[in-house]
């Protein structure tokens, strides 16, 4: 069976690498026949080129990225022959996001800000907006996409907007895979609840398997 190289952005925060390792472990539990390896674009090792050298020519690369952007279109696609699309948008991410909201104690009916990192790529923005619509359809509440780094509205502005228009509490759903600087900023967004990142949720692991299996042999 073809190896699966799951490639993440990479971070200097050790928690990020631990999350990717745990996510790979979830994939192994759901599909033990898949040989999964984790690689990083930057800030951690092994690099994607090192992982591909080790995995061989048949490897399938699954980006651990929630939307498209420079790292996918340049760093990853330029380095590999078989590359899956980004993880989002997808209904399985709705499952993971809703689970994180429940775990955070967010009551049903609460307006939600979907907090992504953000990108200068318009397609990435479209993908985040689509994910917000999918989540809104599942929760039957308004879900406003917002951005922690690049793009508008910012997360604090989106929280203030929803609070003013709905007159009630607001939750932030972290549309990030791991803890780090961007997730840390969400604590200062003014929201009543901030969820944990998607992390090693089983639905995310199932989505990685789906992306892997969608690439023709």
N, C-alpha and C. Protein backbone atom coordinates (compact mmCIF):
# COMPACT_ATOMS: atom_id res chain seq x y z
N UNK A 1 0.85 -1.20 0.00
CA UNK A 1 0.00 0.00 0.00
C UNK A 1 0.88 1.25 0.00
N UNK A 2 0.40 2.28 -0.71
CA UNK A 2 1.18 3.52 -0.82
C UNK A 2 1.31 4.21 0.53
N UNK A 3 2.51 4.68 0.87
CA UNK A 3 2.65 5.45 2.11
C UNK A 3 1.87 6.75 2.04
N UNK A 4 1.43 7.22 3.20
CA UNK A 4 0.76 8.51 3.32
C UNK A 4 1.70 9.44 4.06
N UNK A 5 2.08 10.53 3.40
CA UNK A 5 2.91 11.54 4.04
C UNK A 5 2.00 12.72 4.40
N UNK A 6 1.73 12.88 5.68
CA UNK A 6 0.90 13.98 6.17
C UNK A 6 1.81 15.15 6.48
N UNK A 7 1.68 16.23 5.71
CA UNK A 7 2.62 17.34 5.85
C UNK A 7 1.93 18.55 6.47
N UNK A 8 2.49 19.01 7.58
CA UNK A 8 1.95 20.14 8.32
C UNK A 8 2.81 21.37 8.08
N UNK A 9 2.27 22.53 8.47
CA UNK A 9 3.02 23.78 8.32
C UNK A 9 4.30 23.74 9.13
N UNK A 10 4.21 23.29 10.36
CA UNK A 10 5.35 23.29 11.26
C UNK A 10 5.33 24.49 12.18
N UNK A 11 5.82 24.30 13.39
CA UNK A 11 5.81 25.37 14.39
C UNK A 11 6.96 25.16 15.37
N UNK A 12 7.40 26.25 15.95
CA UNK A 12 8.41 26.14 17.01
C UNK A 12 7.79 25.75 18.34
N UNK A 13 6.47 25.74 18.41
CA UNK A 13 5.76 25.33 19.62
C UNK A 13 5.71 23.81 19.69
N UNK A 14 6.29 23.18 20.71
CA UNK A 14 6.29 21.71 20.79
C UNK A 14 4.90 21.10 20.79
N UNK A 15 3.91 21.85 21.27
CA UNK A 15 2.55 21.33 21.31
C UNK A 15 2.02 21.05 19.91
N UNK A 16 2.46 21.82 18.94
CA UNK A 16 2.00 21.63 17.57
C UNK A 16 2.47 20.28 17.02
N UNK A 17 3.75 19.98 17.20
CA UNK A 17 4.28 18.70 16.74
C UNK A 17 3.63 17.53 17.47
N UNK A 18 3.37 17.71 18.76
CA UNK A 18 2.70 16.65 19.53
C UNK A 18 1.31 16.39 18.99
N UNK A 19 0.63 17.46 18.58
CA UNK A 19 -0.71 17.30 18.02
C UNK A 19 -0.66 16.53 16.70
N UNK A 20 0.32 16.85 15.84
CA UNK A 20 0.43 16.14 14.57
C UNK A 20 0.75 14.66 14.79
N UNK A 21 1.57 14.38 15.78
CA UNK A 21 1.88 12.98 16.10
C UNK A 21 0.64 12.26 16.58
N UNK A 22 -0.16 12.92 17.42
CA UNK A 22 -1.40 12.32 17.92
C UNK A 22 -2.39 12.11 16.78
N UNK A 23 -2.45 13.07 15.86
CA UNK A 23 -3.36 12.94 14.72
C UNK A 23 -2.96 11.76 13.84
N UNK A 24 -1.67 11.60 13.60
CA UNK A 24 -1.20 10.43 12.85
C UNK A 24 -1.56 9.13 13.58
N UNK A 25 -1.48 9.16 14.90
CA UNK A 25 -1.88 7.99 15.68
C UNK A 25 -3.34 7.65 15.50
N UNK A 26 -4.19 8.67 15.42
CA UNK A 26 -5.62 8.43 15.17
C UNK A 26 -5.83 7.79 13.80
N UNK A 27 -5.08 8.25 12.80
CA UNK A 27 -5.18 7.65 11.47
C UNK A 27 -4.81 6.17 11.54
N UNK A 28 -3.74 5.86 12.25
CA UNK A 28 -3.32 4.45 12.37
C UNK A 28 -4.39 3.61 13.06
N UNK A 29 -5.07 4.17 14.04
CA UNK A 29 -6.12 3.42 14.73
C UNK A 29 -7.31 3.16 13.82
N UNK A 30 -7.65 4.14 12.98
CA UNK A 30 -8.79 3.98 12.08
C UNK A 30 -8.45 3.12 10.86
N UNK A 31 -7.20 3.19 10.41
CA UNK A 31 -6.80 2.46 9.20
C UNK A 31 -5.39 1.91 9.41
N UNK A 32 -5.26 0.81 10.16
CA UNK A 32 -3.93 0.29 10.50
C UNK A 32 -3.10 -0.12 9.28
N UNK A 33 -3.76 -0.35 8.14
CA UNK A 33 -3.01 -0.80 6.96
C UNK A 33 -2.26 0.34 6.29
N UNK A 34 -2.60 1.58 6.63
CA UNK A 34 -1.95 2.73 6.00
C UNK A 34 -0.65 3.07 6.73
N UNK A 35 0.41 3.18 5.97
CA UNK A 35 1.72 3.58 6.50
C UNK A 35 1.79 5.10 6.47
N UNK A 36 1.49 5.74 7.60
CA UNK A 36 1.47 7.20 7.65
C UNK A 36 2.74 7.73 8.28
N UNK A 37 3.29 8.78 7.68
CA UNK A 37 4.45 9.49 8.22
C UNK A 37 4.10 10.98 8.26
N UNK A 38 4.66 11.70 9.21
CA UNK A 38 4.42 13.13 9.35
C UNK A 38 5.66 13.90 8.91
N UNK A 39 5.43 14.98 8.16
CA UNK A 39 6.52 15.85 7.72
C UNK A 39 6.07 17.30 7.90
N UNK A 40 7.02 18.22 7.74
CA UNK A 40 6.75 19.63 8.00
C UNK A 40 7.35 20.50 6.90
N UNK A 41 6.64 21.60 6.61
CA UNK A 41 7.14 22.57 5.63
C UNK A 41 8.28 23.37 6.22
N UNK A 42 8.17 23.73 7.51
CA UNK A 42 9.21 24.53 8.15
C UNK A 42 9.15 24.36 9.67
N UNK A 43 10.18 24.81 10.34
CA UNK A 43 10.26 24.87 11.81
C UNK A 43 10.33 23.52 12.52
N UNK A 44 10.32 22.42 11.78
CA UNK A 44 10.37 21.11 12.43
C UNK A 44 10.88 20.09 11.42
N UNK A 45 11.22 18.92 11.92
CA UNK A 45 11.71 17.87 11.04
C UNK A 45 10.92 16.58 11.29
N UNK A 46 10.86 15.68 10.30
CA UNK A 46 11.56 15.76 9.02
C UNK A 46 10.89 16.74 8.06
N UNK A 47 11.67 17.22 7.11
CA UNK A 47 11.11 18.05 6.05
C UNK A 47 10.32 17.18 5.08
N UNK A 48 9.54 17.82 4.23
CA UNK A 48 8.78 17.06 3.24
C UNK A 48 9.71 16.30 2.31
N UNK A 49 10.78 16.92 1.87
CA UNK A 49 11.70 16.22 0.97
C UNK A 49 12.34 15.01 1.64
N UNK A 50 12.67 15.14 2.92
CA UNK A 50 13.24 14.00 3.64
C UNK A 50 12.22 12.87 3.76
N UNK A 51 10.97 13.22 4.07
CA UNK A 51 9.93 12.20 4.22
C UNK A 51 9.64 11.51 2.89
N UNK A 52 9.65 12.27 1.80
CA UNK A 52 9.39 11.67 0.48
C UNK A 52 10.54 10.77 0.06
N UNK A 53 11.76 11.16 0.35
CA UNK A 53 12.91 10.30 0.04
C UNK A 53 12.78 8.97 0.77
N UNK A 54 12.30 9.01 1.99
CA UNK A 54 12.16 7.80 2.80
C UNK A 54 10.96 6.97 2.35
N UNK A 55 9.86 7.65 1.95
CA UNK A 55 8.62 6.94 1.62
C UNK A 55 8.62 6.33 0.23
N UNK A 56 9.35 6.92 -0.69
CA UNK A 56 9.41 6.37 -2.05
C UNK A 56 8.45 7.05 -3.02
N UNK A 57 8.55 6.62 -4.29
CA UNK A 57 7.84 7.28 -5.38
C UNK A 57 6.33 7.12 -5.32
N UNK A 58 5.84 6.12 -4.63
CA UNK A 58 4.39 5.88 -4.62
C UNK A 58 3.66 6.68 -3.54
N UNK A 59 4.36 7.44 -2.74
CA UNK A 59 3.76 8.13 -1.60
C UNK A 59 2.69 9.13 -2.04
N UNK A 60 1.66 9.24 -1.21
CA UNK A 60 0.61 10.24 -1.39
C UNK A 60 0.78 11.28 -0.29
N UNK A 61 0.85 12.55 -0.67
CA UNK A 61 0.98 13.64 0.30
C UNK A 61 -0.39 14.20 0.62
N UNK A 62 -0.73 14.23 1.89
CA UNK A 62 -1.98 14.85 2.35
C UNK A 62 -1.60 16.07 3.19
N UNK A 63 -1.88 17.28 2.69
CA UNK A 63 -1.55 18.48 3.46
C UNK A 63 -2.43 18.60 4.70
N UNK A 64 -1.81 18.82 5.84
CA UNK A 64 -2.55 19.07 7.07
C UNK A 64 -2.82 20.57 7.16
N UNK A 65 -3.55 21.05 6.17
CA UNK A 65 -3.90 22.45 6.03
C UNK A 65 -5.40 22.54 5.82
N UNK A 66 -6.04 23.49 6.47
CA UNK A 66 -7.50 23.58 6.41
C UNK A 66 -8.00 24.31 5.17
N UNK A 67 -7.11 25.02 4.49
CA UNK A 67 -7.47 25.69 3.24
C UNK A 67 -6.23 25.82 2.38
N UNK A 68 -6.43 26.25 1.14
CA UNK A 68 -5.30 26.40 0.23
C UNK A 68 -4.47 27.63 0.61
N UNK A 69 -3.39 27.84 -0.12
CA UNK A 69 -2.51 28.96 0.17
C UNK A 69 -1.11 28.68 -0.34
N UNK A 70 -0.19 29.58 -0.03
CA UNK A 70 1.17 29.51 -0.57
C UNK A 70 1.85 28.18 -0.26
N UNK A 71 1.73 27.71 0.97
CA UNK A 71 2.44 26.49 1.35
C UNK A 71 1.96 25.30 0.53
N UNK A 72 0.66 25.26 0.23
CA UNK A 72 0.14 24.16 -0.57
C UNK A 72 0.52 24.32 -2.03
N UNK A 73 0.25 25.49 -2.61
CA UNK A 73 0.43 25.67 -4.05
C UNK A 73 1.89 25.73 -4.47
N UNK A 74 2.77 26.12 -3.57
CA UNK A 74 4.19 26.27 -3.93
C UNK A 74 5.07 25.24 -3.23
N UNK A 75 5.07 25.24 -1.90
CA UNK A 75 5.99 24.36 -1.16
C UNK A 75 5.65 22.88 -1.34
N UNK A 76 4.36 22.55 -1.31
CA UNK A 76 3.98 21.14 -1.29
C UNK A 76 3.79 20.59 -2.70
N UNK A 77 2.95 21.26 -3.51
CA UNK A 77 2.70 20.76 -4.86
C UNK A 77 3.98 20.75 -5.68
N UNK A 78 4.87 21.69 -5.41
CA UNK A 78 6.12 21.73 -6.15
C UNK A 78 7.11 20.65 -5.76
N UNK A 79 6.82 19.91 -4.70
CA UNK A 79 7.77 18.93 -4.19
C UNK A 79 7.33 17.48 -4.36
N UNK A 80 6.07 17.26 -4.71
CA UNK A 80 5.54 15.90 -4.72
C UNK A 80 4.71 15.63 -5.97
N UNK A 81 4.59 14.36 -6.33
CA UNK A 81 3.83 13.97 -7.52
C UNK A 81 2.36 13.75 -7.22
N UNK A 82 2.06 13.18 -6.08
CA UNK A 82 0.67 12.87 -5.73
C UNK A 82 0.29 13.67 -4.48
N UNK A 83 -0.50 14.71 -4.67
CA UNK A 83 -0.84 15.60 -3.58
C UNK A 83 -2.36 15.75 -3.49
N UNK A 84 -2.91 15.50 -2.31
CA UNK A 84 -4.34 15.70 -2.08
C UNK A 84 -4.63 17.18 -1.87
N UNK A 85 -5.90 17.52 -1.88
CA UNK A 85 -6.30 18.89 -1.62
C UNK A 85 -6.27 19.19 -0.13
N UNK A 86 -6.55 20.45 0.24
CA UNK A 86 -6.59 20.81 1.65
C UNK A 86 -7.73 20.07 2.35
N UNK A 87 -7.69 20.05 3.66
CA UNK A 87 -8.71 19.32 4.42
C UNK A 87 -10.07 19.98 4.34
N UNK A 88 -10.09 21.30 4.28
CA UNK A 88 -11.38 21.99 4.26
C UNK A 88 -11.71 22.59 2.92
N UNK A 89 -12.99 22.90 2.71
CA UNK A 89 -14.11 22.64 3.62
C UNK A 89 -14.61 21.20 3.49
N UNK A 90 -15.21 20.69 4.55
CA UNK A 90 -15.71 19.32 4.53
C UNK A 90 -16.69 19.11 5.68
N UNK A 91 -17.66 18.22 5.46
CA UNK A 91 -18.65 17.93 6.49
C UNK A 91 -18.02 17.26 7.70
N UNK A 92 -16.94 16.51 7.50
CA UNK A 92 -16.28 15.89 8.65
C UNK A 92 -15.69 16.95 9.59
N UNK A 93 -15.29 18.08 9.04
CA UNK A 93 -14.81 19.16 9.90
C UNK A 93 -15.95 19.78 10.69
N UNK A 94 -17.16 19.76 10.13
CA UNK A 94 -18.33 20.19 10.89
C UNK A 94 -18.50 19.31 12.12
N UNK A 95 -18.34 18.01 11.93
CA UNK A 95 -18.44 17.07 13.05
C UNK A 95 -17.43 17.42 14.14
N UNK A 96 -16.18 17.67 13.73
CA UNK A 96 -15.14 18.00 14.70
C UNK A 96 -15.40 19.34 15.38
N UNK A 97 -15.81 20.35 14.62
CA UNK A 97 -16.07 21.68 15.17
C UNK A 97 -17.24 21.63 16.16
N UNK A 98 -18.30 20.94 15.79
CA UNK A 98 -19.46 20.84 16.68
C UNK A 98 -19.09 20.10 17.97
N UNK A 99 -18.25 19.10 17.84
CA UNK A 99 -17.80 18.36 19.02
C UNK A 99 -16.98 19.26 19.95
N UNK A 100 -16.12 20.07 19.39
CA UNK A 100 -15.31 20.98 20.20
C UNK A 100 -16.19 22.03 20.89
N UNK A 101 -17.22 22.51 20.21
CA UNK A 101 -18.14 23.48 20.82
C UNK A 101 -18.87 22.84 22.00
N UNK A 102 -19.32 21.61 21.82
CA UNK A 102 -20.00 20.90 22.91
C UNK A 102 -19.06 20.70 24.09
N UNK A 103 -17.82 20.29 23.79
CA UNK A 103 -16.84 20.06 24.86
C UNK A 103 -16.54 21.33 25.64
N UNK A 104 -16.64 22.49 24.97
CA UNK A 104 -16.37 23.77 25.63
C UNK A 104 -17.56 24.26 26.45
N UNK A 105 -18.68 23.54 26.36
CA UNK A 105 -19.86 23.92 27.13
C UNK A 105 -20.72 24.98 26.48
N UNK A 106 -20.60 25.16 25.17
CA UNK A 106 -21.36 26.18 24.47
C UNK A 106 -22.82 25.72 24.33
N UNK A 107 -23.78 26.50 24.83
CA UNK A 107 -25.18 26.09 24.75
C UNK A 107 -25.69 26.11 23.31
N UNK A 108 -26.62 25.22 22.97
CA UNK A 108 -27.24 25.28 21.64
C UNK A 108 -27.87 26.65 21.40
N UNK A 109 -27.82 27.10 20.16
CA UNK A 109 -28.40 28.38 19.81
C UNK A 109 -27.46 29.57 19.93
N UNK A 110 -26.23 29.31 20.37
CA UNK A 110 -25.25 30.39 20.53
C UNK A 110 -24.62 30.75 19.19
N UNK A 111 -24.54 32.05 18.89
CA UNK A 111 -23.87 32.49 17.68
C UNK A 111 -22.37 32.17 17.75
N UNK A 112 -21.80 31.87 16.59
CA UNK A 112 -20.43 31.35 16.54
C UNK A 112 -19.57 32.15 15.56
N UNK A 113 -18.34 32.43 15.96
CA UNK A 113 -17.31 32.94 15.06
C UNK A 113 -16.39 31.78 14.72
N UNK A 114 -16.25 31.51 13.42
CA UNK A 114 -15.31 30.49 12.97
C UNK A 114 -13.97 31.17 12.74
N UNK A 115 -13.00 30.91 13.62
CA UNK A 115 -11.74 31.65 13.64
C UNK A 115 -10.65 30.88 12.91
N UNK A 116 -10.32 31.34 11.70
CA UNK A 116 -9.26 30.75 10.90
C UNK A 116 -8.00 31.61 11.00
N UNK A 117 -6.87 31.06 10.57
CA UNK A 117 -5.64 31.84 10.57
C UNK A 117 -5.72 32.97 9.56
N UNK A 118 -6.23 32.67 8.36
CA UNK A 118 -6.34 33.67 7.32
C UNK A 118 -5.25 33.53 6.28
N UNK A 119 -5.52 34.05 5.08
CA UNK A 119 -4.59 33.94 3.96
C UNK A 119 -4.86 35.08 2.99
N UNK A 120 -3.86 35.43 2.21
CA UNK A 120 -4.04 36.43 1.17
C UNK A 120 -4.64 35.82 -0.10
N UNK A 121 -4.77 34.50 -0.13
CA UNK A 121 -5.32 33.80 -1.29
C UNK A 121 -6.85 33.87 -1.24
N UNK A 122 -7.50 34.48 -2.25
CA UNK A 122 -8.97 34.58 -2.23
C UNK A 122 -9.66 33.22 -2.17
N UNK A 123 -9.07 32.20 -2.76
CA UNK A 123 -9.67 30.87 -2.71
C UNK A 123 -9.71 30.35 -1.28
N UNK A 124 -8.68 30.64 -0.50
CA UNK A 124 -8.67 30.22 0.90
C UNK A 124 -9.82 30.87 1.66
N UNK A 125 -10.04 32.16 1.41
CA UNK A 125 -11.15 32.86 2.06
C UNK A 125 -12.47 32.24 1.68
N UNK A 126 -12.64 31.91 0.41
CA UNK A 126 -13.87 31.26 -0.04
C UNK A 126 -14.08 29.92 0.67
N UNK A 127 -12.99 29.19 0.86
CA UNK A 127 -13.09 27.88 1.52
C UNK A 127 -13.50 28.02 2.98
N UNK A 128 -12.96 29.02 3.67
CA UNK A 128 -13.35 29.25 5.07
C UNK A 128 -14.82 29.66 5.14
N UNK A 129 -15.25 30.51 4.22
CA UNK A 129 -16.65 30.93 4.21
C UNK A 129 -17.58 29.75 3.95
N UNK A 130 -17.16 28.85 3.08
CA UNK A 130 -17.97 27.64 2.83
C UNK A 130 -18.05 26.78 4.08
N UNK A 131 -16.92 26.64 4.79
CA UNK A 131 -16.93 25.86 6.03
C UNK A 131 -17.85 26.49 7.06
N UNK A 132 -17.87 27.82 7.13
CA UNK A 132 -18.76 28.50 8.06
C UNK A 132 -20.22 28.22 7.72
N UNK A 133 -20.55 28.19 6.43
CA UNK A 133 -21.93 27.90 6.02
C UNK A 133 -22.32 26.47 6.37
N UNK A 134 -21.38 25.55 6.18
CA UNK A 134 -21.66 24.16 6.54
C UNK A 134 -21.93 24.03 8.04
N UNK A 135 -21.13 24.71 8.85
CA UNK A 135 -21.32 24.65 10.30
C UNK A 135 -22.63 25.32 10.70
N UNK A 136 -22.96 26.44 10.06
CA UNK A 136 -24.22 27.13 10.36
C UNK A 136 -25.42 26.23 10.05
N UNK A 137 -25.33 25.49 8.94
CA UNK A 137 -26.41 24.58 8.60
C UNK A 137 -26.59 23.47 9.61
N UNK A 138 -25.48 23.01 10.17
CA UNK A 138 -25.55 21.94 11.19
C UNK A 138 -26.09 22.46 12.51
N UNK A 139 -25.65 23.65 12.93
CA UNK A 139 -26.01 24.17 14.25
C UNK A 139 -27.29 24.99 14.24
N UNK A 140 -27.72 25.42 13.05
CA UNK A 140 -28.88 26.30 12.90
C UNK A 140 -28.69 27.60 13.67
N UNK A 141 -27.50 28.17 13.56
CA UNK A 141 -27.19 29.48 14.15
C UNK A 141 -26.35 30.25 13.13
N UNK A 142 -26.18 31.54 13.36
CA UNK A 142 -25.29 32.30 12.50
C UNK A 142 -23.84 31.96 12.86
N UNK A 143 -23.07 31.67 11.83
CA UNK A 143 -21.64 31.41 11.99
C UNK A 143 -20.90 32.40 11.10
N UNK A 144 -20.11 33.26 11.70
CA UNK A 144 -19.41 34.31 10.99
C UNK A 144 -17.93 33.95 10.87
N UNK A 145 -17.40 33.82 9.64
CA UNK A 145 -15.97 33.55 9.50
C UNK A 145 -15.15 34.78 9.84
N UNK A 146 -14.00 34.57 10.48
CA UNK A 146 -13.11 35.66 10.85
C UNK A 146 -11.69 35.13 10.90
N UNK A 147 -10.73 36.05 11.08
CA UNK A 147 -9.34 35.68 10.86
C UNK A 147 -8.43 36.21 11.97
N UNK A 148 -7.51 35.34 12.37
CA UNK A 148 -6.60 35.68 13.46
C UNK A 148 -5.35 36.39 12.98
N UNK A 149 -5.01 36.24 11.70
CA UNK A 149 -3.75 36.81 11.21
C UNK A 149 -3.96 37.70 9.99
N UNK A 150 -4.47 37.13 8.91
CA UNK A 150 -4.61 37.86 7.65
C UNK A 150 -6.05 37.78 7.17
N UNK A 151 -6.66 38.94 6.92
CA UNK A 151 -8.02 38.97 6.42
C UNK A 151 -8.95 39.69 7.36
N UNK A 152 -10.13 40.03 6.85
CA UNK A 152 -11.16 40.70 7.65
C UNK A 152 -12.47 39.96 7.51
N UNK A 153 -13.29 40.02 8.56
CA UNK A 153 -13.06 40.73 9.82
C UNK A 153 -12.06 40.00 10.72
N UNK A 154 -11.50 40.74 11.64
CA UNK A 154 -10.68 40.10 12.66
C UNK A 154 -11.61 39.35 13.61
N UNK A 155 -11.07 38.45 14.39
CA UNK A 155 -11.89 37.68 15.32
C UNK A 155 -12.56 38.59 16.36
N UNK A 156 -11.84 39.52 17.01
CA UNK A 156 -12.52 40.40 17.96
C UNK A 156 -13.64 41.23 17.32
N UNK A 157 -13.43 41.70 16.09
CA UNK A 157 -14.48 42.48 15.41
C UNK A 157 -15.70 41.61 15.13
N UNK A 158 -15.47 40.37 14.73
CA UNK A 158 -16.60 39.48 14.45
C UNK A 158 -17.36 39.15 15.73
N UNK A 159 -16.65 38.94 16.83
CA UNK A 159 -17.31 38.67 18.11
C UNK A 159 -18.18 39.87 18.50
N UNK A 160 -17.62 41.09 18.39
CA UNK A 160 -18.36 42.29 18.76
C UNK A 160 -19.58 42.47 17.87
N UNK A 161 -19.44 42.16 16.58
CA UNK A 161 -20.55 42.29 15.63
C UNK A 161 -21.70 41.35 16.00
N UNK A 162 -21.38 40.09 16.25
CA UNK A 162 -22.42 39.12 16.60
C UNK A 162 -23.08 39.47 17.94
N UNK A 163 -22.28 39.91 18.89
CA UNK A 163 -22.84 40.25 20.20
C UNK A 163 -23.81 41.43 20.07
N UNK A 164 -23.46 42.42 19.26
CA UNK A 164 -24.31 43.58 19.09
C UNK A 164 -25.62 43.21 18.37
N UNK A 165 -25.50 42.38 17.35
CA UNK A 165 -26.69 42.06 16.55
C UNK A 165 -27.60 41.04 17.21
N UNK A 166 -27.03 40.12 17.98
CA UNK A 166 -27.84 39.07 18.60
C UNK A 166 -28.17 39.35 20.06
N UNK A 167 -27.39 40.24 20.68
CA UNK A 167 -27.67 40.60 22.07
C UNK A 167 -27.46 39.47 23.05
N UNK A 168 -26.60 38.55 22.70
CA UNK A 168 -26.36 37.41 23.59
C UNK A 168 -24.92 36.97 23.54
N UNK A 169 -24.60 35.86 24.18
CA UNK A 169 -23.22 35.37 24.21
C UNK A 169 -22.75 34.91 22.83
N UNK A 170 -21.44 34.86 22.69
CA UNK A 170 -20.82 34.47 21.42
C UNK A 170 -19.71 33.47 21.71
N UNK A 171 -19.62 32.44 20.88
CA UNK A 171 -18.55 31.45 20.99
C UNK A 171 -17.61 31.56 19.81
N UNK A 172 -16.35 31.31 20.06
CA UNK A 172 -15.36 31.22 18.99
C UNK A 172 -15.00 29.76 18.79
N UNK A 173 -15.20 29.27 17.57
CA UNK A 173 -14.77 27.91 17.20
C UNK A 173 -13.41 28.02 16.53
N UNK A 174 -12.41 27.47 17.15
CA UNK A 174 -11.05 27.55 16.63
C UNK A 174 -10.92 26.67 15.40
N UNK A 175 -10.76 27.31 14.24
CA UNK A 175 -10.58 26.58 12.99
C UNK A 175 -9.09 26.46 12.70
N UNK A 176 -8.42 25.84 13.66
CA UNK A 176 -6.98 25.62 13.61
C UNK A 176 -6.73 24.18 14.02
N UNK A 177 -5.64 23.61 13.55
CA UNK A 177 -5.35 22.23 13.90
C UNK A 177 -4.64 22.07 15.23
N UNK A 178 -3.84 23.07 15.62
CA UNK A 178 -3.03 22.90 16.82
C UNK A 178 -2.88 24.21 17.57
N UNK A 179 -2.48 24.10 18.81
CA UNK A 179 -2.21 25.29 19.62
C UNK A 179 -0.95 25.98 19.11
N UNK A 180 -0.87 27.26 19.37
CA UNK A 180 0.23 28.08 18.93
C UNK A 180 -0.16 29.54 19.04
N UNK A 181 0.59 30.40 18.39
CA UNK A 181 0.37 31.84 18.52
C UNK A 181 -1.04 32.24 18.10
N UNK A 182 -1.50 31.75 16.95
CA UNK A 182 -2.81 32.17 16.47
C UNK A 182 -3.92 31.74 17.43
N UNK A 183 -3.83 30.52 17.94
CA UNK A 183 -4.86 30.07 18.89
C UNK A 183 -4.79 30.88 20.18
N UNK A 184 -3.59 31.21 20.62
CA UNK A 184 -3.44 31.98 21.86
C UNK A 184 -4.15 33.33 21.77
N UNK A 185 -4.13 33.94 20.57
CA UNK A 185 -4.76 35.26 20.43
C UNK A 185 -6.27 35.20 20.60
N UNK A 186 -6.86 34.04 20.41
CA UNK A 186 -8.31 33.93 20.49
C UNK A 186 -8.82 34.17 21.91
N UNK A 187 -7.97 33.96 22.90
CA UNK A 187 -8.37 34.19 24.29
C UNK A 187 -8.70 35.65 24.55
N UNK A 188 -8.17 36.54 23.71
CA UNK A 188 -8.42 37.97 23.87
C UNK A 188 -9.45 38.51 22.89
N UNK A 189 -10.28 37.62 22.35
CA UNK A 189 -11.25 38.02 21.32
C UNK A 189 -12.52 38.61 21.90
N UNK A 190 -12.73 38.46 23.21
CA UNK A 190 -13.95 38.94 23.83
C UNK A 190 -15.09 37.94 23.82
N UNK A 191 -14.83 36.73 23.35
CA UNK A 191 -15.87 35.71 23.29
C UNK A 191 -16.14 35.11 24.67
N UNK A 192 -17.32 34.54 24.83
CA UNK A 192 -17.68 33.88 26.08
C UNK A 192 -17.06 32.49 26.18
N UNK A 193 -16.85 31.85 25.03
CA UNK A 193 -16.19 30.54 24.98
C UNK A 193 -15.25 30.51 23.79
N UNK A 194 -14.12 29.85 23.96
CA UNK A 194 -13.19 29.58 22.86
C UNK A 194 -12.89 28.10 22.89
N UNK A 195 -13.12 27.42 21.78
CA UNK A 195 -12.91 25.98 21.75
C UNK A 195 -11.42 25.64 21.62
N UNK A 196 -11.12 24.40 21.91
CA UNK A 196 -9.80 23.86 21.63
C UNK A 196 -9.63 23.72 20.11
N UNK A 197 -8.40 23.69 19.61
CA UNK A 197 -8.19 23.43 18.18
C UNK A 197 -8.76 22.07 17.78
N UNK A 198 -8.87 21.85 16.49
CA UNK A 198 -9.42 20.59 15.99
C UNK A 198 -8.54 19.41 16.40
N UNK A 199 -7.24 19.60 16.36
CA UNK A 199 -6.31 18.61 16.89
C UNK A 199 -6.49 17.22 16.33
N UNK A 200 -6.41 16.24 17.21
CA UNK A 200 -6.46 14.83 16.81
C UNK A 200 -7.87 14.27 16.91
N UNK A 201 -8.87 15.08 16.61
CA UNK A 201 -10.25 14.59 16.63
C UNK A 201 -10.40 13.45 15.62
N UNK A 202 -11.12 12.38 15.96
CA UNK A 202 -11.27 11.26 15.02
C UNK A 202 -11.84 11.66 13.66
N UNK A 203 -12.71 12.67 13.63
CA UNK A 203 -13.27 13.11 12.34
C UNK A 203 -12.19 13.71 11.44
N UNK A 204 -11.22 14.38 12.02
CA UNK A 204 -10.11 14.92 11.24
C UNK A 204 -9.26 13.78 10.69
N UNK A 205 -9.02 12.77 11.52
CA UNK A 205 -8.26 11.60 11.06
C UNK A 205 -9.00 10.89 9.92
N UNK A 206 -10.31 10.77 10.04
CA UNK A 206 -11.10 10.14 8.98
C UNK A 206 -11.02 10.94 7.69
N UNK A 207 -10.98 12.25 7.81
CA UNK A 207 -10.87 13.11 6.64
C UNK A 207 -9.51 12.94 5.96
N UNK A 208 -8.46 12.80 6.72
CA UNK A 208 -7.13 12.55 6.14
C UNK A 208 -7.15 11.26 5.33
N UNK A 209 -7.80 10.25 5.86
CA UNK A 209 -7.91 8.98 5.14
C UNK A 209 -8.71 9.16 3.85
N UNK A 210 -9.79 9.91 3.92
CA UNK A 210 -10.58 10.19 2.71
C UNK A 210 -9.75 10.89 1.64
N UNK A 211 -8.97 11.90 2.05
CA UNK A 211 -8.15 12.64 1.08
C UNK A 211 -7.11 11.71 0.47
N UNK A 212 -6.53 10.85 1.27
CA UNK A 212 -5.53 9.89 0.78
C UNK A 212 -6.15 8.94 -0.25
N UNK A 213 -7.31 8.40 0.07
CA UNK A 213 -7.93 7.41 -0.81
C UNK A 213 -8.48 8.02 -2.10
N UNK A 214 -8.66 9.34 -2.11
CA UNK A 214 -9.19 10.01 -3.31
C UNK A 214 -8.14 10.17 -4.41
N UNK A 215 -6.87 9.98 -4.07
CA UNK A 215 -5.80 10.12 -5.07
C UNK A 215 -5.62 8.80 -5.81
N UNK A 216 -5.78 8.82 -7.13
CA UNK A 216 -5.67 7.56 -7.90
C UNK A 216 -4.30 6.93 -7.77
N UNK A 217 -4.28 5.64 -7.84
CA UNK A 217 -3.00 4.89 -7.76
C UNK A 217 -2.16 5.15 -9.01
